[in-house]
N, C-alpha and C. Protein backbone atom coordinates (compact mmCIF):
# COMPACT_ATOMS: atom_id res chain seq x y z
N MET A 1 3.17 -3.60 1.89
CA MET A 1 2.30 -2.44 1.75
C MET A 1 1.06 -2.84 0.94
N ARG A 2 -0.11 -2.47 1.42
CA ARG A 2 -1.35 -2.93 0.80
C ARG A 2 -1.99 -1.82 -0.01
N ILE A 3 -2.40 -2.17 -1.23
CA ILE A 3 -3.04 -1.19 -2.10
C ILE A 3 -4.34 -1.77 -2.65
N LEU A 4 -5.22 -0.88 -3.12
CA LEU A 4 -6.48 -1.28 -3.72
C LEU A 4 -6.44 -0.96 -5.21
N LEU A 5 -6.61 -1.98 -6.03
CA LEU A 5 -6.68 -1.83 -7.49
C LEU A 5 -8.15 -1.86 -7.89
N VAL A 6 -8.62 -0.82 -8.57
CA VAL A 6 -10.02 -0.74 -9.01
C VAL A 6 -10.01 -0.72 -10.54
N GLU A 7 -10.30 -1.87 -11.13
CA GLU A 7 -10.17 -2.05 -12.58
C GLU A 7 -11.16 -3.12 -13.04
N ASP A 8 -12.00 -2.78 -14.04
CA ASP A 8 -13.01 -3.75 -14.48
C ASP A 8 -12.54 -4.64 -15.62
N ASP A 9 -11.44 -4.30 -16.28
CA ASP A 9 -10.92 -5.14 -17.36
C ASP A 9 -10.14 -6.30 -16.74
N ALA A 10 -10.62 -7.53 -16.99
CA ALA A 10 -10.05 -8.71 -16.34
C ALA A 10 -8.58 -8.91 -16.70
N MET A 11 -8.23 -8.70 -17.96
CA MET A 11 -6.85 -8.93 -18.38
C MET A 11 -5.91 -7.91 -17.75
N ILE A 12 -6.31 -6.63 -17.81
CA ILE A 12 -5.47 -5.58 -17.23
C ILE A 12 -5.36 -5.77 -15.72
N GLY A 13 -6.49 -6.07 -15.07
CA GLY A 13 -6.49 -6.23 -13.63
C GLY A 13 -5.59 -7.36 -13.18
N LYS A 14 -5.70 -8.50 -13.85
CA LYS A 14 -4.88 -9.66 -13.46
C LYS A 14 -3.41 -9.39 -13.69
N THR A 15 -3.09 -8.76 -14.82
CA THR A 15 -1.69 -8.45 -15.12
C THR A 15 -1.10 -7.50 -14.09
N LEU A 16 -1.86 -6.45 -13.76
CA LEU A 16 -1.38 -5.48 -12.78
C LEU A 16 -1.24 -6.10 -11.40
N GLN A 17 -2.22 -6.89 -11.00
CA GLN A 17 -2.16 -7.52 -9.68
C GLN A 17 -0.92 -8.39 -9.55
N GLN A 18 -0.65 -9.20 -10.56
CA GLN A 18 0.52 -10.08 -10.52
C GLN A 18 1.82 -9.28 -10.52
N ALA A 19 1.89 -8.24 -11.36
CA ALA A 19 3.12 -7.44 -11.45
C ALA A 19 3.40 -6.71 -10.15
N LEU A 20 2.36 -6.16 -9.55
CA LEU A 20 2.54 -5.41 -8.30
C LEU A 20 2.89 -6.33 -7.14
N GLN A 21 2.31 -7.52 -7.13
CA GLN A 21 2.64 -8.49 -6.08
C GLN A 21 4.10 -8.92 -6.20
N GLN A 22 4.59 -9.06 -7.43
CA GLN A 22 5.99 -9.41 -7.62
C GLN A 22 6.91 -8.30 -7.12
N ASP A 23 6.39 -7.07 -7.11
CA ASP A 23 7.18 -5.94 -6.62
C ASP A 23 7.03 -5.76 -5.11
N GLY A 24 6.30 -6.66 -4.46
CA GLY A 24 6.23 -6.65 -3.00
C GLY A 24 4.98 -6.05 -2.40
N TYR A 25 3.99 -5.65 -3.23
CA TYR A 25 2.76 -5.08 -2.71
C TYR A 25 1.72 -6.17 -2.47
N ALA A 26 0.88 -5.98 -1.46
CA ALA A 26 -0.30 -6.82 -1.26
C ALA A 26 -1.45 -6.09 -1.97
N VAL A 27 -2.07 -6.74 -2.96
CA VAL A 27 -3.02 -6.06 -3.84
C VAL A 27 -4.42 -6.66 -3.73
N ASP A 28 -5.38 -5.85 -3.28
CA ASP A 28 -6.80 -6.21 -3.36
C ASP A 28 -7.34 -5.64 -4.66
N TRP A 29 -8.18 -6.42 -5.34
CA TRP A 29 -8.66 -6.01 -6.66
C TRP A 29 -10.18 -5.96 -6.66
N ALA A 30 -10.73 -4.76 -6.88
CA ALA A 30 -12.18 -4.57 -7.01
C ALA A 30 -12.50 -4.29 -8.47
N THR A 31 -13.59 -4.88 -8.98
CA THR A 31 -13.91 -4.77 -10.40
C THR A 31 -15.04 -3.79 -10.71
N ASP A 32 -15.60 -3.15 -9.69
CA ASP A 32 -16.62 -2.13 -9.94
C ASP A 32 -16.59 -1.09 -8.83
N GLY A 33 -17.26 0.04 -9.08
CA GLY A 33 -17.21 1.15 -8.14
C GLY A 33 -17.85 0.87 -6.80
N GLN A 34 -18.93 0.11 -6.80
CA GLN A 34 -19.60 -0.22 -5.54
C GLN A 34 -18.72 -1.08 -4.65
N ALA A 35 -18.08 -2.09 -5.24
CA ALA A 35 -17.19 -2.97 -4.47
C ALA A 35 -16.01 -2.18 -3.91
N ALA A 36 -15.51 -1.26 -4.70
CA ALA A 36 -14.39 -0.43 -4.24
C ALA A 36 -14.82 0.45 -3.08
N ARG A 37 -16.01 1.04 -3.17
CA ARG A 37 -16.50 1.89 -2.09
C ARG A 37 -16.66 1.09 -0.80
N LEU A 38 -17.18 -0.12 -0.90
CA LEU A 38 -17.34 -0.98 0.26
C LEU A 38 -15.98 -1.28 0.89
N ALA A 39 -14.99 -1.60 0.04
CA ALA A 39 -13.65 -1.90 0.55
C ALA A 39 -13.07 -0.70 1.28
N LEU A 40 -13.23 0.49 0.72
CA LEU A 40 -12.67 1.69 1.33
C LEU A 40 -13.42 2.09 2.60
N ASP A 41 -14.71 1.78 2.65
CA ASP A 41 -15.50 2.11 3.85
C ASP A 41 -15.19 1.18 5.01
N THR A 42 -14.82 -0.07 4.70
CA THR A 42 -14.65 -1.07 5.76
C THR A 42 -13.19 -1.33 6.13
N ALA A 43 -12.27 -0.94 5.26
CA ALA A 43 -10.87 -1.30 5.51
C ALA A 43 -10.12 -0.29 6.36
N GLY A 44 -10.77 0.82 6.68
CA GLY A 44 -10.11 1.81 7.53
C GLY A 44 -8.89 2.39 6.85
N ASP A 45 -7.76 2.44 7.57
CA ASP A 45 -6.55 3.03 7.02
C ASP A 45 -5.58 1.98 6.50
N VAL A 46 -6.12 0.83 6.11
CA VAL A 46 -5.27 -0.27 5.64
C VAL A 46 -4.54 0.10 4.35
N TYR A 47 -5.25 0.76 3.42
CA TYR A 47 -4.67 0.99 2.10
C TYR A 47 -3.74 2.20 2.09
N ALA A 48 -2.56 1.99 1.53
CA ALA A 48 -1.62 3.09 1.36
C ALA A 48 -1.90 3.85 0.08
N LEU A 49 -2.55 3.19 -0.89
CA LEU A 49 -2.75 3.79 -2.20
C LEU A 49 -3.89 3.10 -2.93
N VAL A 50 -4.61 3.86 -3.76
CA VAL A 50 -5.65 3.30 -4.63
C VAL A 50 -5.27 3.58 -6.08
N LEU A 51 -5.31 2.54 -6.92
CA LEU A 51 -5.17 2.69 -8.37
C LEU A 51 -6.57 2.63 -8.95
N LEU A 52 -7.03 3.72 -9.55
CA LEU A 52 -8.45 3.88 -9.88
C LEU A 52 -8.68 4.10 -11.37
N ASP A 53 -9.42 3.17 -11.99
CA ASP A 53 -9.91 3.38 -13.34
C ASP A 53 -11.15 4.27 -13.26
N LEU A 54 -11.46 4.99 -14.32
CA LEU A 54 -12.63 5.86 -14.31
C LEU A 54 -13.87 5.19 -14.90
N GLY A 55 -13.68 4.37 -15.95
CA GLY A 55 -14.82 3.73 -16.61
C GLY A 55 -15.22 2.44 -15.94
N LEU A 56 -15.92 2.55 -14.83
CA LEU A 56 -16.28 1.38 -14.02
C LEU A 56 -17.78 1.13 -14.07
N PRO A 57 -18.21 -0.14 -13.94
CA PRO A 57 -19.64 -0.44 -13.80
C PRO A 57 -20.13 -0.13 -12.39
N ARG A 58 -21.45 0.04 -12.26
CA ARG A 58 -22.16 0.25 -11.00
C ARG A 58 -21.90 1.60 -10.34
N LYS A 59 -20.70 2.12 -10.46
CA LYS A 59 -20.38 3.46 -9.97
C LYS A 59 -19.11 3.89 -10.67
N SER A 60 -19.15 5.04 -11.34
CA SER A 60 -17.97 5.48 -12.09
C SER A 60 -16.83 5.82 -11.13
N GLY A 61 -15.61 5.75 -11.65
CA GLY A 61 -14.46 6.09 -10.83
C GLY A 61 -14.50 7.52 -10.34
N LEU A 62 -14.98 8.44 -11.19
CA LEU A 62 -15.07 9.84 -10.80
C LEU A 62 -16.07 10.03 -9.66
N GLU A 63 -17.21 9.35 -9.76
CA GLU A 63 -18.22 9.43 -8.71
C GLU A 63 -17.68 8.85 -7.41
N LEU A 64 -17.00 7.71 -7.51
CA LEU A 64 -16.40 7.09 -6.33
C LEU A 64 -15.41 8.02 -5.66
N LEU A 65 -14.56 8.64 -6.46
CA LEU A 65 -13.54 9.54 -5.93
C LEU A 65 -14.18 10.72 -5.20
N LYS A 66 -15.20 11.31 -5.78
CA LYS A 66 -15.88 12.43 -5.13
C LYS A 66 -16.51 12.00 -3.81
N GLU A 67 -17.08 10.80 -3.79
CA GLU A 67 -17.75 10.32 -2.57
C GLU A 67 -16.76 10.11 -1.43
N ILE A 68 -15.63 9.47 -1.73
CA ILE A 68 -14.70 9.18 -0.64
C ILE A 68 -14.03 10.46 -0.13
N ARG A 69 -13.84 11.44 -1.01
CA ARG A 69 -13.27 12.71 -0.56
C ARG A 69 -14.27 13.46 0.31
N ARG A 70 -15.56 13.43 -0.08
CA ARG A 70 -16.58 14.08 0.75
C ARG A 70 -16.68 13.41 2.11
N ALA A 71 -16.40 12.11 2.16
CA ALA A 71 -16.46 11.37 3.42
C ALA A 71 -15.21 11.58 4.27
N GLY A 72 -14.23 12.31 3.74
CA GLY A 72 -13.02 12.60 4.51
C GLY A 72 -11.90 11.61 4.34
N ASN A 73 -12.04 10.69 3.39
CA ASN A 73 -10.99 9.69 3.15
C ASN A 73 -9.86 10.35 2.36
N LYS A 74 -8.66 10.38 2.94
CA LYS A 74 -7.53 11.08 2.32
C LYS A 74 -6.52 10.12 1.68
N VAL A 75 -6.91 8.87 1.44
CA VAL A 75 -6.00 7.91 0.84
C VAL A 75 -5.49 8.45 -0.49
N ARG A 76 -4.23 8.18 -0.79
CA ARG A 76 -3.65 8.60 -2.06
C ARG A 76 -4.33 7.85 -3.21
N VAL A 77 -4.71 8.58 -4.27
CA VAL A 77 -5.40 7.98 -5.41
C VAL A 77 -4.66 8.32 -6.70
N LEU A 78 -4.21 7.27 -7.39
CA LEU A 78 -3.60 7.42 -8.70
C LEU A 78 -4.63 6.96 -9.73
N ILE A 79 -5.12 7.88 -10.54
CA ILE A 79 -6.09 7.55 -11.58
C ILE A 79 -5.35 6.92 -12.75
N VAL A 80 -5.81 5.73 -13.16
CA VAL A 80 -5.19 5.01 -14.27
C VAL A 80 -6.30 4.69 -15.27
N THR A 81 -6.33 5.39 -16.39
CA THR A 81 -7.49 5.31 -17.28
C THR A 81 -7.09 5.53 -18.73
N ALA A 82 -7.97 5.11 -19.63
CA ALA A 82 -7.76 5.35 -21.06
C ALA A 82 -8.22 6.74 -21.48
N ARG A 83 -8.92 7.46 -20.60
CA ARG A 83 -9.42 8.79 -20.94
C ARG A 83 -8.28 9.79 -20.90
N ASP A 84 -7.89 10.27 -22.07
CA ASP A 84 -6.70 11.11 -22.14
C ASP A 84 -6.99 12.57 -22.50
N ALA A 85 -8.27 12.95 -22.58
CA ALA A 85 -8.60 14.34 -22.88
C ALA A 85 -8.22 15.25 -21.71
N VAL A 86 -7.86 16.49 -22.03
CA VAL A 86 -7.48 17.44 -20.99
C VAL A 86 -8.63 17.62 -20.00
N ALA A 87 -9.86 17.67 -20.50
CA ALA A 87 -11.02 17.85 -19.63
C ALA A 87 -11.15 16.71 -18.62
N ASP A 88 -10.85 15.48 -19.06
CA ASP A 88 -10.91 14.33 -18.15
C ASP A 88 -9.83 14.43 -17.08
N ARG A 89 -8.62 14.84 -17.48
CA ARG A 89 -7.54 15.00 -16.50
C ARG A 89 -7.92 16.04 -15.45
N VAL A 90 -8.44 17.17 -15.92
CA VAL A 90 -8.82 18.24 -15.01
C VAL A 90 -9.91 17.76 -14.05
N ALA A 91 -10.92 17.06 -14.60
CA ALA A 91 -12.02 16.57 -13.76
C ALA A 91 -11.51 15.58 -12.71
N GLY A 92 -10.62 14.69 -13.11
CA GLY A 92 -10.09 13.70 -12.17
C GLY A 92 -9.27 14.31 -11.06
N LEU A 93 -8.42 15.26 -11.41
CA LEU A 93 -7.59 15.91 -10.39
C LEU A 93 -8.42 16.82 -9.50
N ASP A 94 -9.39 17.52 -10.09
CA ASP A 94 -10.26 18.40 -9.28
C ASP A 94 -11.15 17.60 -8.34
N ALA A 95 -11.47 16.35 -8.71
CA ALA A 95 -12.33 15.52 -7.86
C ALA A 95 -11.56 14.95 -6.67
N GLY A 96 -10.24 15.09 -6.68
CA GLY A 96 -9.45 14.61 -5.54
C GLY A 96 -8.37 13.63 -5.89
N GLY A 97 -8.15 13.38 -7.19
CA GLY A 97 -7.06 12.49 -7.58
C GLY A 97 -5.71 13.13 -7.29
N ASP A 98 -4.73 12.32 -6.89
CA ASP A 98 -3.40 12.84 -6.58
C ASP A 98 -2.47 12.81 -7.79
N ASP A 99 -2.78 11.94 -8.76
CA ASP A 99 -2.00 11.87 -9.99
C ASP A 99 -2.87 11.21 -11.04
N TYR A 100 -2.44 11.30 -12.31
CA TYR A 100 -3.27 10.84 -13.43
C TYR A 100 -2.34 10.20 -14.45
N LEU A 101 -2.61 8.95 -14.81
CA LEU A 101 -1.80 8.21 -15.77
C LEU A 101 -2.72 7.59 -16.81
N THR A 102 -2.41 7.80 -18.08
CA THR A 102 -3.28 7.28 -19.15
C THR A 102 -2.76 5.95 -19.69
N LYS A 103 -3.71 5.10 -20.08
CA LYS A 103 -3.40 3.83 -20.72
C LYS A 103 -3.21 4.05 -22.21
N PRO A 104 -2.32 3.28 -22.86
CA PRO A 104 -1.39 2.30 -22.27
C PRO A 104 -0.22 3.02 -21.59
N PHE A 105 0.38 2.34 -20.64
CA PHE A 105 1.46 2.96 -19.88
C PHE A 105 2.56 1.93 -19.64
N SER A 106 3.71 2.41 -19.28
CA SER A 106 4.83 1.55 -18.91
C SER A 106 4.69 1.15 -17.45
N LEU A 107 4.91 -0.12 -17.15
CA LEU A 107 4.86 -0.57 -15.75
C LEU A 107 5.88 0.17 -14.91
N ASP A 108 7.05 0.44 -15.46
CA ASP A 108 8.07 1.17 -14.72
C ASP A 108 7.59 2.56 -14.34
N GLU A 109 6.86 3.23 -15.26
CA GLU A 109 6.35 4.56 -14.94
C GLU A 109 5.27 4.47 -13.87
N LEU A 110 4.39 3.46 -13.96
CA LEU A 110 3.37 3.29 -12.93
C LEU A 110 4.02 3.12 -11.57
N LEU A 111 5.02 2.25 -11.47
CA LEU A 111 5.68 2.00 -10.19
C LEU A 111 6.36 3.27 -9.67
N ALA A 112 6.97 4.04 -10.58
CA ALA A 112 7.63 5.27 -10.17
C ALA A 112 6.62 6.28 -9.63
N ARG A 113 5.47 6.39 -10.29
CA ARG A 113 4.43 7.32 -9.82
C ARG A 113 3.87 6.86 -8.47
N MET A 114 3.71 5.55 -8.30
CA MET A 114 3.26 5.03 -7.02
C MET A 114 4.23 5.38 -5.91
N ARG A 115 5.52 5.17 -6.18
CA ARG A 115 6.53 5.49 -5.16
C ARG A 115 6.51 6.98 -4.82
N ALA A 116 6.33 7.82 -5.83
CA ALA A 116 6.29 9.26 -5.58
C ALA A 116 5.12 9.63 -4.67
N LEU A 117 3.95 9.03 -4.90
CA LEU A 117 2.79 9.32 -4.06
C LEU A 117 2.99 8.79 -2.65
N LEU A 118 3.56 7.61 -2.53
CA LEU A 118 3.77 7.02 -1.21
C LEU A 118 4.79 7.81 -0.40
N ARG A 119 5.73 8.44 -1.08
CA ARG A 119 6.71 9.27 -0.36
C ARG A 119 6.02 10.45 0.31
N ARG A 120 4.95 10.97 -0.29
CA ARG A 120 4.24 12.10 0.32
C ARG A 120 3.64 11.71 1.66
N ASP A 121 3.19 10.46 1.77
CA ASP A 121 2.52 10.03 2.98
C ASP A 121 3.44 9.93 4.18
N VAL A 122 4.73 9.69 3.94
CA VAL A 122 5.63 9.57 5.09
C VAL A 122 6.12 10.93 5.56
N ALA A 123 5.69 12.01 4.85
CA ALA A 123 5.96 13.39 5.27
C ALA A 123 7.44 13.63 5.53
N ARG A 124 8.27 13.16 4.61
CA ARG A 124 9.70 13.36 4.71
C ARG A 124 10.22 13.88 3.38
N GLU A 125 11.43 14.44 3.42
CA GLU A 125 12.00 14.94 2.19
C GLU A 125 12.49 13.79 1.32
N ASP A 126 12.76 12.66 1.93
CA ASP A 126 13.20 11.51 1.15
C ASP A 126 12.20 10.38 1.36
N ASN A 127 12.55 9.19 0.89
CA ASN A 127 11.64 8.07 0.98
C ASN A 127 12.12 7.03 1.99
N VAL A 128 12.88 7.46 2.99
CA VAL A 128 13.49 6.53 3.94
C VAL A 128 12.81 6.64 5.30
N LEU A 129 12.37 5.51 5.82
CA LEU A 129 11.82 5.44 7.17
C LEU A 129 12.98 5.06 8.11
N ARG A 130 13.18 5.88 9.13
CA ARG A 130 14.33 5.66 10.02
C ARG A 130 13.88 5.47 11.46
N HIS A 131 14.60 4.62 12.15
CA HIS A 131 14.40 4.44 13.59
C HIS A 131 15.66 3.85 14.16
N ARG A 132 16.31 4.64 15.05
CA ARG A 132 17.58 4.22 15.63
C ARG A 132 18.56 3.84 14.52
N THR A 133 19.00 2.57 14.46
CA THR A 133 20.00 2.18 13.46
C THR A 133 19.38 1.61 12.19
N LEU A 134 18.03 1.67 12.10
CA LEU A 134 17.34 1.12 10.94
C LEU A 134 17.05 2.23 9.92
N ALA A 135 17.21 1.91 8.64
CA ALA A 135 16.87 2.83 7.55
C ALA A 135 16.24 2.01 6.44
N LEU A 136 14.93 2.17 6.27
CA LEU A 136 14.17 1.39 5.28
C LEU A 136 13.81 2.30 4.12
N ASP A 137 14.37 2.03 2.95
CA ASP A 137 14.10 2.83 1.76
C ASP A 137 12.90 2.23 1.04
N THR A 138 11.76 2.93 1.08
CA THR A 138 10.52 2.40 0.52
C THR A 138 10.49 2.45 -1.01
N ALA A 139 11.37 3.25 -1.62
CA ALA A 139 11.43 3.31 -3.08
C ALA A 139 12.36 2.23 -3.62
N ALA A 140 13.57 2.19 -3.08
CA ALA A 140 14.54 1.16 -3.53
C ALA A 140 14.23 -0.20 -2.91
N ARG A 141 13.37 -0.20 -1.89
CA ARG A 141 12.98 -1.43 -1.18
C ARG A 141 14.21 -2.13 -0.59
N THR A 142 15.01 -1.34 0.10
CA THR A 142 16.21 -1.85 0.75
C THR A 142 16.19 -1.47 2.23
N LEU A 143 16.94 -2.24 3.02
CA LEU A 143 17.06 -1.97 4.45
C LEU A 143 18.53 -2.00 4.84
N THR A 144 18.93 -1.00 5.63
CA THR A 144 20.24 -1.05 6.25
C THR A 144 20.06 -0.99 7.76
N HIS A 145 20.90 -1.72 8.44
CA HIS A 145 20.86 -1.78 9.91
C HIS A 145 22.27 -1.57 10.41
N ALA A 146 22.48 -0.43 11.09
CA ALA A 146 23.82 -0.05 11.55
C ALA A 146 24.79 -0.01 10.37
N GLY A 147 24.31 0.48 9.24
CA GLY A 147 25.14 0.62 8.05
C GLY A 147 25.32 -0.65 7.23
N ARG A 148 24.71 -1.72 7.68
CA ARG A 148 24.85 -3.01 6.98
C ARG A 148 23.57 -3.33 6.22
N SER A 149 23.70 -3.76 4.97
CA SER A 149 22.55 -4.10 4.16
C SER A 149 21.94 -5.42 4.62
N ILE A 150 20.60 -5.45 4.75
CA ILE A 150 19.88 -6.63 5.21
C ILE A 150 18.86 -7.03 4.15
N ASP A 151 18.86 -8.29 3.76
CA ASP A 151 17.88 -8.79 2.79
C ASP A 151 16.58 -9.16 3.52
N LEU A 152 15.45 -8.72 2.97
CA LEU A 152 14.15 -9.04 3.54
C LEU A 152 13.25 -9.63 2.47
N SER A 153 12.35 -10.52 2.90
CA SER A 153 11.30 -10.99 2.00
C SER A 153 10.28 -9.86 1.84
N ALA A 154 9.38 -9.99 0.86
CA ALA A 154 8.38 -8.95 0.63
C ALA A 154 7.52 -8.73 1.86
N ARG A 155 7.13 -9.81 2.54
CA ARG A 155 6.26 -9.66 3.71
C ARG A 155 7.01 -9.16 4.93
N GLU A 156 8.26 -9.55 5.08
CA GLU A 156 9.07 -8.99 6.16
C GLU A 156 9.23 -7.48 5.97
N PHE A 157 9.45 -7.08 4.71
CA PHE A 157 9.57 -5.66 4.39
C PHE A 157 8.30 -4.91 4.74
N ALA A 158 7.14 -5.46 4.33
CA ALA A 158 5.85 -4.80 4.59
C ALA A 158 5.57 -4.71 6.08
N LEU A 159 5.88 -5.76 6.83
CA LEU A 159 5.63 -5.75 8.28
C LEU A 159 6.52 -4.72 8.97
N LEU A 160 7.80 -4.70 8.60
CA LEU A 160 8.71 -3.74 9.21
C LEU A 160 8.32 -2.31 8.85
N ALA A 161 7.88 -2.08 7.61
CA ALA A 161 7.44 -0.75 7.19
C ALA A 161 6.25 -0.28 8.03
N ALA A 162 5.32 -1.19 8.29
CA ALA A 162 4.15 -0.85 9.11
C ALA A 162 4.58 -0.39 10.50
N LEU A 163 5.54 -1.08 11.09
CA LEU A 163 6.02 -0.71 12.42
C LEU A 163 6.82 0.60 12.39
N LEU A 164 7.60 0.79 11.33
CA LEU A 164 8.41 2.00 11.23
C LEU A 164 7.57 3.26 10.99
N GLU A 165 6.42 3.09 10.35
CA GLU A 165 5.55 4.24 10.12
C GLU A 165 4.97 4.77 11.43
N ARG A 166 4.93 3.92 12.44
CA ARG A 166 4.40 4.34 13.75
C ARG A 166 5.35 3.86 14.86
N PRO A 167 6.57 4.40 14.88
CA PRO A 167 7.57 3.93 15.84
C PRO A 167 7.10 4.07 17.28
N GLY A 168 7.22 2.99 18.02
CA GLY A 168 6.80 2.99 19.42
C GLY A 168 5.37 2.58 19.64
N ALA A 169 4.52 2.71 18.61
CA ALA A 169 3.11 2.32 18.75
C ALA A 169 2.97 0.81 18.59
N ALA A 170 2.06 0.22 19.35
CA ALA A 170 1.82 -1.22 19.25
C ALA A 170 0.77 -1.50 18.19
N LEU A 171 1.08 -2.41 17.27
CA LEU A 171 0.14 -2.83 16.25
C LEU A 171 -0.29 -4.27 16.54
N SER A 172 -1.57 -4.52 16.43
CA SER A 172 -2.08 -5.86 16.72
C SER A 172 -1.73 -6.82 15.59
N LYS A 173 -1.85 -8.09 15.88
CA LYS A 173 -1.63 -9.12 14.87
C LYS A 173 -2.57 -8.92 13.68
N ALA A 174 -3.83 -8.59 13.96
CA ALA A 174 -4.81 -8.38 12.89
C ALA A 174 -4.42 -7.18 12.02
N GLN A 175 -3.94 -6.10 12.64
CA GLN A 175 -3.52 -4.92 11.88
C GLN A 175 -2.35 -5.25 10.96
N LEU A 176 -1.42 -6.03 11.46
CA LEU A 176 -0.26 -6.41 10.65
C LEU A 176 -0.65 -7.35 9.52
N GLU A 177 -1.57 -8.27 9.80
CA GLU A 177 -2.05 -9.17 8.74
C GLU A 177 -2.71 -8.38 7.62
N GLU A 178 -3.48 -7.35 7.99
CA GLU A 178 -4.15 -6.53 6.99
C GLU A 178 -3.17 -5.81 6.09
N ARG A 179 -1.99 -5.47 6.64
CA ARG A 179 -1.00 -4.73 5.86
C ARG A 179 -0.24 -5.63 4.89
N ILE A 180 -0.12 -6.92 5.20
CA ILE A 180 0.78 -7.75 4.38
C ILE A 180 0.08 -8.83 3.57
N TYR A 181 -1.24 -9.00 3.77
CA TYR A 181 -1.96 -10.02 3.00
C TYR A 181 -3.14 -9.38 2.27
N ARG A 182 -3.44 -9.88 1.09
CA ARG A 182 -4.55 -9.37 0.30
C ARG A 182 -5.80 -10.22 0.52
N TRP A 183 -6.94 -9.77 -0.07
CA TRP A 183 -8.19 -10.51 0.03
C TRP A 183 -8.01 -11.95 -0.43
N GLY A 184 -8.65 -12.87 0.26
CA GLY A 184 -8.70 -14.25 -0.19
C GLY A 184 -7.41 -15.01 -0.03
N GLU A 185 -6.37 -14.35 0.42
CA GLU A 185 -5.09 -15.02 0.57
C GLU A 185 -5.07 -15.75 1.91
N GLU A 186 -4.73 -17.02 1.87
CA GLU A 186 -4.75 -17.83 3.08
C GLU A 186 -3.66 -17.36 4.04
N VAL A 187 -4.06 -17.12 5.27
CA VAL A 187 -3.13 -16.65 6.29
C VAL A 187 -3.04 -17.69 7.39
N GLU A 188 -1.88 -18.26 7.58
CA GLU A 188 -1.71 -19.24 8.65
C GLU A 188 -1.79 -18.53 10.00
N SER A 189 -2.26 -19.25 11.00
CA SER A 189 -2.54 -18.63 12.30
C SER A 189 -1.30 -18.01 12.93
N ASN A 190 -0.13 -18.53 12.62
CA ASN A 190 1.09 -18.00 13.23
C ASN A 190 1.97 -17.24 12.24
N ALA A 191 1.37 -16.77 11.14
CA ALA A 191 2.16 -16.13 10.08
C ALA A 191 2.91 -14.90 10.59
N VAL A 192 2.21 -14.02 11.31
CA VAL A 192 2.86 -12.81 11.81
C VAL A 192 3.99 -13.16 12.76
N GLU A 193 3.74 -14.12 13.65
CA GLU A 193 4.78 -14.53 14.59
C GLU A 193 6.03 -15.02 13.86
N VAL A 194 5.82 -15.76 12.78
CA VAL A 194 6.95 -16.28 12.01
C VAL A 194 7.74 -15.14 11.38
N HIS A 195 7.04 -14.18 10.79
CA HIS A 195 7.75 -13.04 10.18
C HIS A 195 8.50 -12.23 11.23
N VAL A 196 7.88 -12.02 12.38
CA VAL A 196 8.55 -11.29 13.47
C VAL A 196 9.80 -12.06 13.92
N HIS A 197 9.68 -13.36 14.03
CA HIS A 197 10.82 -14.20 14.42
C HIS A 197 11.97 -14.04 13.45
N HIS A 198 11.66 -14.05 12.15
CA HIS A 198 12.71 -13.91 11.14
C HIS A 198 13.36 -12.52 11.21
N LEU A 199 12.54 -11.49 11.43
CA LEU A 199 13.09 -10.13 11.54
C LEU A 199 14.00 -10.01 12.76
N ARG A 200 13.60 -10.62 13.85
CA ARG A 200 14.44 -10.56 15.06
C ARG A 200 15.78 -11.26 14.83
N LYS A 201 15.76 -12.35 14.08
CA LYS A 201 17.02 -13.05 13.79
C LYS A 201 17.94 -12.18 12.94
N LYS A 202 17.35 -11.40 12.05
CA LYS A 202 18.15 -10.57 11.15
C LYS A 202 18.57 -9.24 11.79
N LEU A 203 17.73 -8.71 12.70
CA LEU A 203 17.97 -7.36 13.22
C LEU A 203 18.35 -7.32 14.69
N GLY A 204 18.18 -8.45 15.36
CA GLY A 204 18.44 -8.48 16.80
C GLY A 204 17.17 -8.75 17.57
N ALA A 205 17.27 -9.55 18.59
CA ALA A 205 16.09 -10.01 19.32
C ALA A 205 15.34 -8.87 20.00
N ASP A 206 16.05 -7.78 20.32
CA ASP A 206 15.39 -6.68 21.05
C ASP A 206 14.87 -5.58 20.12
N THR A 207 14.91 -5.81 18.80
CA THR A 207 14.45 -4.78 17.86
C THR A 207 12.94 -4.60 17.90
N ILE A 208 12.21 -5.73 17.96
CA ILE A 208 10.75 -5.69 17.99
C ILE A 208 10.27 -6.25 19.32
N ARG A 209 9.48 -5.47 20.03
CA ARG A 209 8.96 -5.90 21.32
C ARG A 209 7.60 -6.57 21.16
N THR A 210 7.35 -7.57 21.98
CA THR A 210 6.01 -8.15 22.08
C THR A 210 5.28 -7.44 23.22
N ILE A 211 4.14 -6.83 22.89
CA ILE A 211 3.32 -6.17 23.90
C ILE A 211 2.22 -7.15 24.28
N ARG A 212 2.33 -7.75 25.43
CA ARG A 212 1.42 -8.83 25.82
C ARG A 212 -0.04 -8.38 25.75
N GLY A 213 -0.83 -9.17 25.05
CA GLY A 213 -2.25 -8.91 24.93
C GLY A 213 -2.59 -7.84 23.91
N VAL A 214 -1.56 -7.25 23.26
CA VAL A 214 -1.80 -6.17 22.28
C VAL A 214 -1.23 -6.51 20.93
N GLY A 215 0.08 -6.70 20.85
CA GLY A 215 0.68 -6.99 19.55
C GLY A 215 2.17 -6.74 19.58
N TYR A 216 2.67 -5.98 18.61
CA TYR A 216 4.11 -5.77 18.46
C TYR A 216 4.42 -4.30 18.25
N ALA A 217 5.62 -3.90 18.68
CA ALA A 217 6.06 -2.52 18.50
C ALA A 217 7.58 -2.51 18.38
N LEU A 218 8.10 -1.47 17.73
CA LEU A 218 9.54 -1.31 17.69
C LEU A 218 10.06 -0.96 19.08
N ALA A 219 11.22 -1.43 19.38
CA ALA A 219 11.82 -1.12 20.69
C ALA A 219 12.13 0.37 20.76
């Protein structure tokens, strides 16, 4: 699952990026409001979530949030900032923020709030993506297949989640790469094929179909 981190503090940004990647997220990191706006304008629906600081150079986080909401971008936004006044919280939520977390914070709380926001996007009462005998728990980050627990790598998990979010729809290789790799990360030409191969070995060869000339889809 790919997220956008918007944070100008180098130490905080690096720490968060590494921690979130260890938890299985692909993290793009923008250090100012203009760069974040460009990423959101060009990346389409790639991002599942934005972690947004308010005190940013070139364009404030609040200004950025207002702009993307006016443009119709409905991506989930978790404001993560040192501004803890009630007026700041109200302004951030009224501008279109989905949640508000003040620094310093516990990483466990941040991850829990992220999971809560991501659950809203799947429009279900729980956090499980289901298709036939597959059940992918996006909060616990577990998969069961016909009642049996299956271990997945972080990228296998992200690729399968992308397919489960749109069961039956074909996703191109480029779309899948965007979901599982972050900016600047080297992507081997056959990376998606390798992950699909591993998933088929674990789940059955007929679980994921190859749509010739298009990409991949769940059977």
